Amino acid sequence: MKKVIALVVALAAALAVSGSAPAQTGNAQLDGNSHPNVGALLAKRKDGSLAIVCSGTLVTTRVFLTAGHCTDYLMSSLGQFDAYVTFDPNFGTDSGHNIFSTPYHGVLYENPAWKPPYHHDTALVLLDSPVSGITPATLAPRYLLDQLKAAHALGDLLYTNVGYGTSEKVVVQGSGPTFPFDGLRKWTVSAYHALDQSFIHLNQNLNQGWSGTGYGDSGGPTFIDLGNGPIQISVVSTGDVPLYSTSVNTRIDTDDARDFLDPFLALR
């Protein structure tokens, strides 16, 4: 998840007491079935039940794309080398610890070049069997963002983020700051800020009317539409701590990302 992976697990536990609240930042919209190929990466709790830790995208019938810092958390901190995925937009927090499996299970693979905190921040779940009934997302071809930058087009686009993460920081009188989390899939819209060789930086400044990603949205997609439907251009990596203004997303149109992904994308 975004910046501090353990945060959502802690928030989910707290939510069992405090109740539900909005997720994603600013004017977040409930997704429903608008983006059925966006799912949540689930970790096993000590009792074996499942909790949301990150978001991700089905990009072929067997490949669930997410962020390297998400899978590193599962493997290095939790000792989990496999994972479950859900595409249920209303999965929530499973505060009752009632869910122990989903139809979608697979093995974790991390970009071998990944380094903390967010270098080469791509990873995937190779699902045990193909997913049916969900159309995979379309990935940006190599160098798409470079081409759009050269055409001075990046600033004219809207950037749609989809995931299961928290809202921005809220200060509750008497209890201090919190990041409300309900574990429901939502979408938000950000604006362009900058592009470099590894990341696209997005403006989610709430005071300017934009919205964006939160803790738990890490690994989730950002889409653009060039006239033929949504194209995934990146996975969420990080941003400012209170989630008020910026999002930094790892590009998936680079040679590094595609050299890692392409052998898996060819599997059926």
C-alpha atoms as a PDB file:
ATOM      1  CA  MET A   1       0.000   0.000   0.000  1.00  0.00           C
ATOM      2  CA  LYS A   2       0.988   3.593  -0.328  1.00  0.00           C
ATOM      3  CA  LYS A   3       4.094   4.518   1.715  1.00  0.00           C
ATOM      4  CA  VAL A   4       3.433   2.549   4.917  1.00  0.00           C
ATOM      5  CA  ILE A   5       2.108  -0.907   4.113  1.00  0.00           C
ATOM      6  CA  ALA A   6       1.250  -1.972   7.647  1.00  0.00           C
ATOM      7  CA  LEU A   7      -1.052   1.019   8.070  1.00  0.00           C
ATOM      8  CA  VAL A   8      -4.095  -0.446   6.329  1.00  0.00           C
ATOM      9  CA  VAL A   9      -3.939  -3.627   8.378  1.00  0.00           C
ATOM     10  CA  ALA A  10      -3.946  -1.486  11.518  1.00  0.00           C
ATOM     11  CA  LEU A  11      -6.755   0.677  10.151  1.00  0.00           C
ATOM     12  CA  ALA A  12      -8.817  -2.385   9.323  1.00  0.00           C
ATOM     13  CA  ALA A  13      -8.469  -3.614  12.874  1.00  0.00           C
ATOM     14  CA  ALA A  14      -9.451  -0.212  14.235  1.00  0.00           C
ATOM     15  CA  LEU A  15     -12.407  -0.010  11.876  1.00  0.00           C
ATOM     16  CA  ALA A  16     -14.006  -3.016  13.531  1.00  0.00           C
ATOM     17  CA  VAL A  17     -14.591  -0.677  16.462  1.00  0.00           C
ATOM     18  CA  SER A  18     -14.974   2.720  14.812  1.00  0.00           C
ATOM     19  CA  GLY A  19     -17.244   1.927  11.846  1.00  0.00           C
ATOM     20  CA  SER A  20     -16.953   2.649   8.135  1.00  0.00           C
ATOM     21  CA  ALA A  21     -15.863   5.847   6.385  1.00  0.00           C
ATOM     22  CA  PRO A  22     -14.973   7.145   2.911  1.00  0.00           C
ATOM     23  CA  ALA A  23     -11.927   5.809   1.046  1.00  0.00           C
ATOM     24  CA  GLN A  24      -9.605   7.476  -1.481  1.00  0.00           C
ATOM     25  CA  THR A  25      -9.081  11.212  -1.191  1.00  0.00           C
ATOM     26  CA  GLY A  26     -11.249  14.182  -2.039  1.00  0.00           C
ATOM     27  CA  ASN A  27     -14.343  13.544  -4.140  1.00  0.00           C
ATOM     28  CA  ALA A  28     -14.030   9.759  -4.270  1.00  0.00           C
ATOM     29  CA  GLN A  29     -16.785   7.853  -6.043  1.00  0.00           C
ATOM     30  CA  LEU A  30     -18.013   4.349  -5.277  1.00  0.00           C
ATOM     31  CA  ASP A  31     -16.841   2.213  -8.165  1.00  0.00           C
ATOM     32  CA  GLY A  32     -19.527  -0.441  -8.307  1.00  0.00           C
ATOM     33  CA  ASN A  33     -18.831  -2.328 -11.515  1.00  0.00           C
ATOM     34  CA  SER A  34     -17.139   0.544 -13.362  1.00  0.00           C
ATOM     35  CA  HIS A  35     -13.692  -1.058 -13.122  1.00  0.00           C
ATOM     36  CA  PRO A  36     -14.257  -4.787 -12.546  1.00  0.00           C
ATOM     37  CA  ASN A  37     -10.638  -5.666 -13.395  1.00  0.00           C
ATOM     38  CA  VAL A  38      -9.317  -3.709 -10.402  1.00  0.00           C
ATOM     39  CA  GLY A  39      -8.923  -5.848  -7.312  1.00  0.00           C
ATOM     40  CA  ALA A  40      -7.452  -5.963  -3.832  1.00  0.00           C
ATOM     41  CA  LEU A  41      -4.330  -7.854  -2.779  1.00  0.00           C
ATOM     42  CA  LEU A  42      -5.066  -9.775   0.403  1.00  0.00           C
ATOM     43  CA  ALA A  43      -2.793 -10.885   3.225  1.00  0.00           C
ATOM     44  CA  LYS A  44      -3.470 -13.732   5.605  1.00  0.00           C
ATOM     45  CA  ARG A  45      -3.964 -12.695   9.213  1.00  0.00           C
ATOM     46  CA  LYS A  46      -2.670 -14.868  12.010  1.00  0.00           C
ATOM     47  CA  ASP A  47      -6.040 -16.604  12.189  1.00  0.00           C
ATOM     48  CA  GLY A  48      -5.929 -17.319   8.446  1.00  0.00           C
ATOM     49  CA  SER A  49      -8.600 -14.791   7.488  1.00  0.00           C
ATOM     50  CA  LEU A  50      -7.907 -12.239   4.763  1.00  0.00           C
ATOM     51  CA  ALA A  51      -7.262  -8.494   4.947  1.00  0.00           C
ATOM     52  CA  ILE A  52      -6.692  -5.871   2.259  1.00  0.00           C
ATOM     53  CA  VAL A  53      -3.111  -4.625   2.037  1.00  0.00           C
ATOM     54  CA  CYS A  54      -2.918  -3.166  -1.484  1.00  0.00           C
ATOM     55  CA  SER A  55      -4.737  -2.774  -4.777  1.00  0.00           C
ATOM     56  CA  GLY A  56      -3.926  -4.067  -8.250  1.00  0.00           C
ATOM     57  CA  THR A  57      -5.215  -4.837 -11.726  1.00  0.00           C
ATOM     58  CA  LEU A  58      -6.000  -7.932 -13.755  1.00  0.00           C
ATOM     59  CA  VAL A  59      -3.904  -7.363 -16.905  1.00  0.00           C
ATOM     60  CA  THR A  60      -4.265 -10.843 -18.420  1.00  0.00           C
ATOM     61  CA  THR A  61      -6.544 -13.660 -17.324  1.00  0.00           C
ATOM     62  CA  ARG A  62      -3.719 -14.930 -15.063  1.00  0.00           C
ATOM     63  CA  VAL A  63      -1.677 -11.838 -14.172  1.00  0.00           C
ATOM     64  CA  PHE A  64      -2.638  -9.454 -11.365  1.00  0.00           C
ATOM     65  CA  LEU A  65      -0.340  -6.423 -11.506  1.00  0.00           C
ATOM     66  CA  THR A  66       0.557  -4.608  -8.279  1.00  0.00           C
ATOM     67  CA  ALA A  67       3.487  -2.787  -6.642  1.00  0.00           C
ATOM     68  CA  GLY A  68       6.827  -4.231  -5.574  1.00  0.00           C
ATOM     69  CA  HIS A  69       6.668  -2.690  -2.121  1.00  0.00           C
ATOM     70  CA  CYS A  70       3.347  -4.494  -1.611  1.00  0.00           C
ATOM     71  CA  THR A  71       4.689  -7.935  -2.428  1.00  0.00           C
ATOM     72  CA  ASP A  72       7.892  -7.235  -0.503  1.00  0.00           C
ATOM     73  CA  TYR A  73       5.791  -6.552   2.575  1.00  0.00           C
ATOM     74  CA  LEU A  74       4.004  -9.870   2.171  1.00  0.00           C
ATOM     75  CA  MET A  75       7.198 -11.827   1.546  1.00  0.00           C
ATOM     76  CA  SER A  76       9.708 -10.092   3.822  1.00  0.00           C
ATOM     77  CA  SER A  77       7.514  -8.976   6.720  1.00  0.00           C
ATOM     78  CA  LEU A  78       4.816 -11.656   6.758  1.00  0.00           C
ATOM     79  CA  GLY A  79       6.667 -14.583   5.181  1.00  0.00           C
ATOM     80  CA  GLN A  80       3.859 -15.059   2.662  1.00  0.00           C
ATOM     81  CA  PHE A  81       4.902 -15.988  -0.871  1.00  0.00           C
ATOM     82  CA  ASP A  82       1.404 -16.628  -2.140  1.00  0.00           C
ATOM     83  CA  ALA A  83      -1.651 -14.413  -1.984  1.00  0.00           C
ATOM     84  CA  TYR A  84      -5.364 -14.193  -2.550  1.00  0.00           C
ATOM     85  CA  VAL A  85      -7.000 -11.527  -4.695  1.00  0.00           C
ATOM     86  CA  THR A  86     -10.566 -10.259  -4.693  1.00  0.00           C
ATOM     87  CA  PHE A  87     -12.431  -8.293  -7.354  1.00  0.00           C
ATOM     88  CA  ASP A  88     -15.414  -7.734  -5.073  1.00  0.00           C
ATOM     89  CA  PRO A  89     -15.973  -3.940  -5.003  1.00  0.00           C
ATOM     90  CA  ASN A  90     -17.589  -4.292  -1.579  1.00  0.00           C
ATOM     91  CA  PHE A  91     -15.038  -6.625   0.020  1.00  0.00           C
ATOM     92  CA  GLY A  92     -14.547  -4.182   2.879  1.00  0.00           C
ATOM     93  CA  THR A  93     -12.313  -4.955   5.802  1.00  0.00           C
ATOM     94  CA  ASP A  94     -13.696  -8.372   6.764  1.00  0.00           C
ATOM     95  CA  SER A  95     -13.768  -6.977  10.280  1.00  0.00           C
ATOM     96  CA  GLY A  96     -15.463 -10.154  11.423  1.00  0.00           C
ATOM     97  CA  HIS A  97     -12.527 -12.277  10.157  1.00  0.00           C
ATOM     98  CA  ASN A  98     -14.976 -14.491   8.291  1.00  0.00           C
ATOM     99  CA  ILE A  99     -13.283 -14.757   4.886  1.00  0.00           C
ATOM    100  CA  PHE A 100     -10.494 -17.319   4.560  1.00  0.00           C
ATOM    101  CA  SER A 101     -10.285 -17.710   0.795  1.00  0.00           C
ATOM    102  CA  THR A 102     -11.425 -16.255  -2.507  1.00  0.00           C
ATOM    103  CA  PRO A 103     -11.670 -17.888  -5.945  1.00  0.00           C
ATOM    104  CA  TYR A 104      -8.448 -16.125  -6.933  1.00  0.00           C
ATOM    105  CA  HIS A 105      -5.133 -17.363  -5.547  1.00  0.00           C
ATOM    106  CA  GLY A 106      -1.598 -17.283  -6.888  1.00  0.00           C
ATOM    107  CA  VAL A 107       2.145 -16.906  -6.377  1.00  0.00           C
ATOM    108  CA  LEU A 108       3.952 -13.604  -5.868  1.00  0.00           C
ATOM    109  CA  TYR A 109       6.614 -12.400  -8.296  1.00  0.00           C
ATOM    110  CA  GLU A 110       8.591  -9.216  -7.746  1.00  0.00           C
ATOM    111  CA  ASN A 111      10.577  -7.172 -10.246  1.00  0.00           C
ATOM    112  CA  PRO A 112      14.132  -8.466  -9.600  1.00  0.00           C
ATOM    113  CA  ALA A 113      15.399  -4.873  -9.764  1.00  0.00           C
ATOM    114  CA  TRP A 114      13.085  -3.720  -6.949  1.00  0.00           C
ATOM    115  CA  LYS A 115      14.784  -1.826  -4.123  1.00  0.00           C
ATOM    116  CA  PRO A 116      13.215  -0.006  -1.196  1.00  0.00           C
ATOM    117  CA  PRO A 117      11.421   2.186  -0.981  1.00  0.00           C
ATOM    118  CA  TYR A 118       9.965   2.391  -4.515  1.00  0.00           C
ATOM    119  CA  HIS A 119      12.673   1.705  -7.093  1.00  0.00           C
ATOM    120  CA  HIS A 120      11.423  -0.458  -9.996  1.00  0.00           C
ATOM    121  CA  ASP A 121       8.170  -0.765  -8.040  1.00  0.00           C
ATOM    122  CA  THR A 122       6.341  -3.442 -10.035  1.00  0.00           C
ATOM    123  CA  ALA A 123       5.248  -6.929  -9.045  1.00  0.00           C
ATOM    124  CA  LEU A 124       2.481  -9.390  -9.782  1.00  0.00           C
ATOM    125  CA  VAL A 125       0.444 -12.328  -8.625  1.00  0.00           C
ATOM    126  CA  LEU A 126       0.524 -15.185 -11.127  1.00  0.00           C
ATOM    127  CA  LEU A 127      -2.888 -16.699 -10.555  1.00  0.00           C
ATOM    128  CA  ASP A 128      -3.271 -20.472 -10.366  1.00  0.00           C
ATOM    129  CA  SER A 129      -5.942 -20.527 -13.068  1.00  0.00           C
ATOM    130  CA  PRO A 130      -7.385 -18.051 -15.573  1.00  0.00           C
ATOM    131  CA  VAL A 131     -10.040 -15.601 -14.415  1.00  0.00           C
ATOM    132  CA  SER A 132     -13.261 -15.788 -16.410  1.00  0.00           C
ATOM    133  CA  GLY A 133     -15.935 -13.146 -16.743  1.00  0.00           C
ATOM    134  CA  ILE A 134     -13.598 -10.168 -16.222  1.00  0.00           C
ATOM    135  CA  THR A 135     -11.951  -8.390 -19.144  1.00  0.00           C
ATOM    136  CA  PRO A 136      -8.300  -7.587 -18.340  1.00  0.00           C
ATOM    137  CA  ALA A 137      -7.118  -3.991 -18.454  1.00  0.00           C
ATOM    138  CA  THR A 138      -5.215  -2.633 -21.432  1.00  0.00           C
ATOM    139  CA  LEU A 139      -1.606  -1.748 -20.606  1.00  0.00           C
ATOM    140  CA  ALA A 140       0.163   1.259 -22.039  1.00  0.00           C
ATOM    141  CA  PRO A 141       2.644   0.311 -24.783  1.00  0.00           C
ATOM    142  CA  ARG A 142       6.299   1.106 -24.288  1.00  0.00           C
ATOM    143  CA  TYR A 143       7.158   4.821 -24.247  1.00  0.00           C
ATOM    144  CA  LEU A 144       3.543   5.999 -24.445  1.00  0.00           C
ATOM    145  CA  LEU A 145       4.011   8.671 -21.792  1.00  0.00           C
ATOM    146  CA  ASP A 146       7.213   9.908 -23.428  1.00  0.00           C
ATOM    147  CA  GLN A 147       5.344  10.263 -26.702  1.00  0.00           C
ATOM    148  CA  LEU A 148       2.488  12.143 -25.031  1.00  0.00           C
ATOM    149  CA  LYS A 149       4.946  14.423 -23.252  1.00  0.00           C
ATOM    150  CA  ALA A 150       6.692  15.203 -26.535  1.00  0.00           C
ATOM    151  CA  ALA A 151       3.291  16.086 -27.980  1.00  0.00           C
ATOM    152  CA  HIS A 152       2.569  18.350 -24.975  1.00  0.00           C
ATOM    153  CA  ALA A 153      -0.549  16.282 -24.297  1.00  0.00           C
ATOM    154  CA  LEU A 154      -0.050  15.092 -20.714  1.00  0.00           C
ATOM    155  CA  GLY A 155      -1.436  18.260 -19.177  1.00  0.00           C
ATOM    156  CA  ASP A 156      -4.674  17.931 -21.148  1.00  0.00           C
ATOM    157  CA  LEU A 157      -5.581  14.483 -19.802  1.00  0.00           C
ATOM    158  CA  LEU A 158      -7.543  13.335 -16.780  1.00  0.00           C
ATOM    159  CA  TYR A 159      -5.998  10.585 -14.637  1.00  0.00           C
ATOM    160  CA  THR A 160      -8.401   8.083 -13.094  1.00  0.00           C
ATOM    161  CA  ASN A 161      -7.201   6.192 -10.034  1.00  0.00           C
ATOM    162  CA  VAL A 162      -9.000   3.073  -8.799  1.00  0.00           C
ATOM    163  CA  GLY A 163      -8.407   1.211  -5.557  1.00  0.00           C
ATOM    164  CA  TYR A 164      -9.456   0.147  -2.090  1.00  0.00           C
ATOM    165  CA  GLY A 165      -7.456   2.662  -0.038  1.00  0.00           C
ATOM    166  CA  THR A 166      -8.033   5.197   2.693  1.00  0.00           C
ATOM    167  CA  SER A 167      -9.143   8.786   2.483  1.00  0.00           C
ATOM    168  CA  GLU A 168      -6.887  11.720   3.349  1.00  0.00           C
ATOM    169  CA  LYS A 169      -5.900  12.490   6.942  1.00  0.00           C
ATOM    170  CA  VAL A 170      -8.760  13.623   9.152  1.00  0.00           C
ATOM    171  CA  VAL A 171      -8.155  15.088  12.600  1.00  0.00           C
ATOM    172  CA  VAL A 172     -10.785  13.886  15.060  1.00  0.00           C
ATOM    173  CA  GLN A 173     -11.173  16.060  18.122  1.00  0.00           C
ATOM    174  CA  GLY A 174     -10.183  14.139  21.204  1.00  0.00           C
ATOM    175  CA  SER A 175      -8.522  11.234  19.371  1.00  0.00           C
ATOM    176  CA  GLY A 176      -6.106  12.853  16.916  1.00  0.00           C
ATOM    177  CA  PRO A 177      -5.437  12.181  13.210  1.00  0.00           C
ATOM    178  CA  THR A 178      -6.832   9.190  11.357  1.00  0.00           C
ATOM    179  CA  PHE A 179      -7.121   7.931   7.784  1.00  0.00           C
ATOM    180  CA  PRO A 180     -10.708   6.659   7.358  1.00  0.00           C
ATOM    181  CA  PHE A 181     -10.906   3.282   5.642  1.00  0.00           C
ATOM    182  CA  ASP A 182     -13.852   1.151   4.590  1.00  0.00           C
ATOM    183  CA  GLY A 183     -12.201  -1.253   2.127  1.00  0.00           C
ATOM    184  CA  LEU A 184     -14.615  -0.441  -0.711  1.00  0.00           C
ATOM    185  CA  ARG A 185     -13.403   0.055  -4.267  1.00  0.00           C
ATOM    186  CA  LYS A 186     -13.574   3.677  -5.387  1.00  0.00           C
ATOM    187  CA  TRP A 187     -12.264   5.917  -8.145  1.00  0.00           C
ATOM    188  CA  THR A 188     -10.858   9.427  -8.155  1.00  0.00           C
ATOM    189  CA  VAL A 189      -9.530  11.861 -10.739  1.00  0.00           C
ATOM    190  CA  SER A 190      -6.144  13.609 -10.583  1.00  0.00           C
ATOM    191  CA  ALA A 191      -4.315  16.068 -12.808  1.00  0.00           C
ATOM    192  CA  TYR A 192      -0.863  15.890 -14.356  1.00  0.00           C
ATOM    193  CA  HIS A 193       2.130  17.358 -12.520  1.00  0.00           C
ATOM    194  CA  ALA A 194       5.395  15.910 -13.892  1.00  0.00           C
ATOM    195  CA  LEU A 195       7.023  12.973 -15.664  1.00  0.00           C
ATOM    196  CA  ASP A 196      10.469  11.465 -15.192  1.00  0.00           C
ATOM    197  CA  GLN A 197      12.145   8.251 -16.343  1.00  0.00           C
ATOM    198  CA  SER A 198      10.529   6.110 -13.649  1.00  0.00           C
ATOM    199  CA  PHE A 199       7.466   7.902 -12.304  1.00  0.00           C
ATOM    200  CA  ILE A 200       4.496   9.994 -13.257  1.00  0.00           C
ATOM    201  CA  HIS A 201       3.696  12.594 -10.593  1.00  0.00           C
ATOM    202  CA  LEU A 202       0.028  13.531 -10.242  1.00  0.00           C
ATOM    203  CA  ASN A 203      -1.725  16.477  -8.645  1.00  0.00           C
ATOM    204  CA  GLN A 204      -4.410  15.427  -6.168  1.00  0.00           C
ATOM    205  CA  ASN A 205      -4.547  18.805  -4.412  1.00  0.00           C
ATOM    206  CA  LEU A 206      -7.868  18.864  -2.640  1.00  0.00           C
ATOM    207  CA  ASN A 207      -7.929  22.673  -2.519  1.00  0.00           C
ATOM    208  CA  GLN A 208      -7.710  22.768  -6.306  1.00  0.00           C
ATOM    209  CA  GLY A 209     -10.644  20.406  -6.727  1.00  0.00           C
ATOM    210  CA  TRP A 210      -8.646  17.260  -7.506  1.00  0.00           C
ATOM    211  CA  SER A 211      -8.699  13.916  -5.706  1.00  0.00           C
ATOM    212  CA  GLY A 212      -6.422  10.912  -5.585  1.00  0.00           C
ATOM    213  CA  THR A 213      -4.972   7.900  -3.845  1.00  0.00           C
ATOM    214  CA  GLY A 214      -4.517   6.844  -0.229  1.00  0.00           C
ATOM    215  CA  TYR A 215      -2.992   4.137   1.906  1.00  0.00           C
ATOM    216  CA  GLY A 216      -4.102   0.801   0.458  1.00  0.00           C
ATOM    217  CA  ASP A 217      -4.251   2.113  -3.103  1.00  0.00           C
ATOM    218  CA  SER A 218      -0.608   1.157  -3.655  1.00  0.00           C
ATOM    219  CA  GLY A 219      -0.258  -1.160  -6.628  1.00  0.00           C
ATOM    220  CA  GLY A 220      -3.549   0.060  -8.010  1.00  0.00           C
ATOM    221  CA  PRO A 221      -3.902   1.515 -11.484  1.00  0.00           C
ATOM    222  CA  THR A 222      -4.050   4.963 -12.953  1.00  0.00           C
ATOM    223  CA  PHE A 223      -5.895   5.071 -16.262  1.00  0.00           C
ATOM    224  CA  ILE A 224      -6.007   7.565 -19.107  1.00  0.00           C
ATOM    225  CA  ASP A 225      -8.374   7.523 -22.074  1.00  0.00           C
ATOM    226  CA  LEU A 226      -7.093   8.554 -25.486  1.00  0.00           C
ATOM    227  CA  GLY A 227     -10.426   7.933 -27.169  1.00  0.00           C
ATOM    228  CA  ASN A 228     -10.522   4.146 -27.315  1.00  0.00           C
ATOM    229  CA  GLY A 229     -11.136   3.256 -23.685  1.00  0.00           C
ATOM    230  CA  PRO A 230      -9.025   3.233 -20.526  1.00  0.00           C
ATOM    231  CA  ILE A 231      -5.298   2.463 -20.698  1.00  0.00           C
ATOM    232  CA  GLN A 232      -3.343   1.673 -17.547  1.00  0.00           C
ATOM    233  CA  ILE A 233      -0.195   3.812 -17.414  1.00  0.00           C
ATOM    234  CA  SER A 234       1.143   3.210 -13.902  1.00  0.00           C
ATOM    235  CA  VAL A 235       0.842   1.623 -10.477  1.00  0.00           C
ATOM    236  CA  VAL A 236       0.561   3.711  -7.319  1.00  0.00           C
ATOM    237  CA  SER A 237       3.776   3.909  -5.295  1.00  0.00           C
ATOM    238  CA  THR A 238       3.787   6.854  -2.872  1.00  0.00           C
ATOM    239  CA  GLY A 239       2.857  10.486  -2.207  1.00  0.00           C
ATOM    240  CA  ASP A 240       2.652  13.068   0.567  1.00  0.00           C
ATOM    241  CA  VAL A 241       2.027  11.670   4.040  1.00  0.00           C
ATOM    242  CA  PRO A 242      -1.363  13.312   4.784  1.00  0.00           C
ATOM    243  CA  LEU A 243      -2.570  12.543   1.223  1.00  0.00           C
ATOM    244  CA  TYR A 244      -3.533  16.136   0.541  1.00  0.00           C
ATOM    245  CA  SER A 245      -1.613  16.999  -2.603  1.00  0.00           C
ATOM    246  CA  THR A 246       0.598  14.555  -4.526  1.00  0.00           C
ATOM    247  CA  SER A 247       0.755  11.014  -5.833  1.00  0.00           C
ATOM    248  CA  VAL A 248       3.866   9.364  -7.288  1.00  0.00           C
ATOM    249  CA  ASN A 249       3.164   6.392  -9.535  1.00  0.00           C
ATOM    250  CA  THR A 250       5.554   3.926 -11.151  1.00  0.00           C
ATOM    251  CA  ARG A 251       5.327   3.944 -14.934  1.00  0.00           C
ATOM    252  CA  ILE A 252       4.558   0.642 -16.670  1.00  0.00           C
ATOM    253  CA  ASP A 253       5.484   1.869 -20.170  1.00  0.00           C
ATOM    254  CA  THR A 254       9.226   1.753 -19.499  1.00  0.00           C
ATOM    255  CA  ASP A 255      11.676  -0.889 -20.668  1.00  0.00           C
ATOM    256  CA  ASP A 256      12.293  -1.899 -17.059  1.00  0.00           C
ATOM    257  CA  ALA A 257       8.627  -2.526 -16.334  1.00  0.00           C
ATOM    258  CA  ARG A 258       7.829  -4.245 -19.611  1.00  0.00           C
ATOM    259  CA  ASP A 259      10.956  -6.432 -19.586  1.00  0.00           C
ATOM    260  CA  PHE A 260       9.749  -7.757 -16.233  1.00  0.00           C
ATOM    261  CA  LEU A 261       6.088  -8.089 -17.207  1.00  0.00           C
ATOM    262  CA  ASP A 262       6.173  -9.345 -20.787  1.00  0.00           C
ATOM    263  CA  PRO A 263       7.185 -12.984 -20.090  1.00  0.00           C
ATOM    264  CA  PHE A 264       4.261 -13.287 -17.657  1.00  0.00           C
ATOM    265  CA  LEU A 265       1.842 -11.524 -19.992  1.00  0.00           C
ATOM    266  CA  ALA A 266       2.512 -14.258 -22.560  1.00  0.00           C
ATOM    267  CA  LEU A 267       1.327 -16.994 -20.183  1.00  0.00           C
ATOM    268  CA  ARG A 268      -2.199 -18.369 -20.487  1.00  0.00           C
END
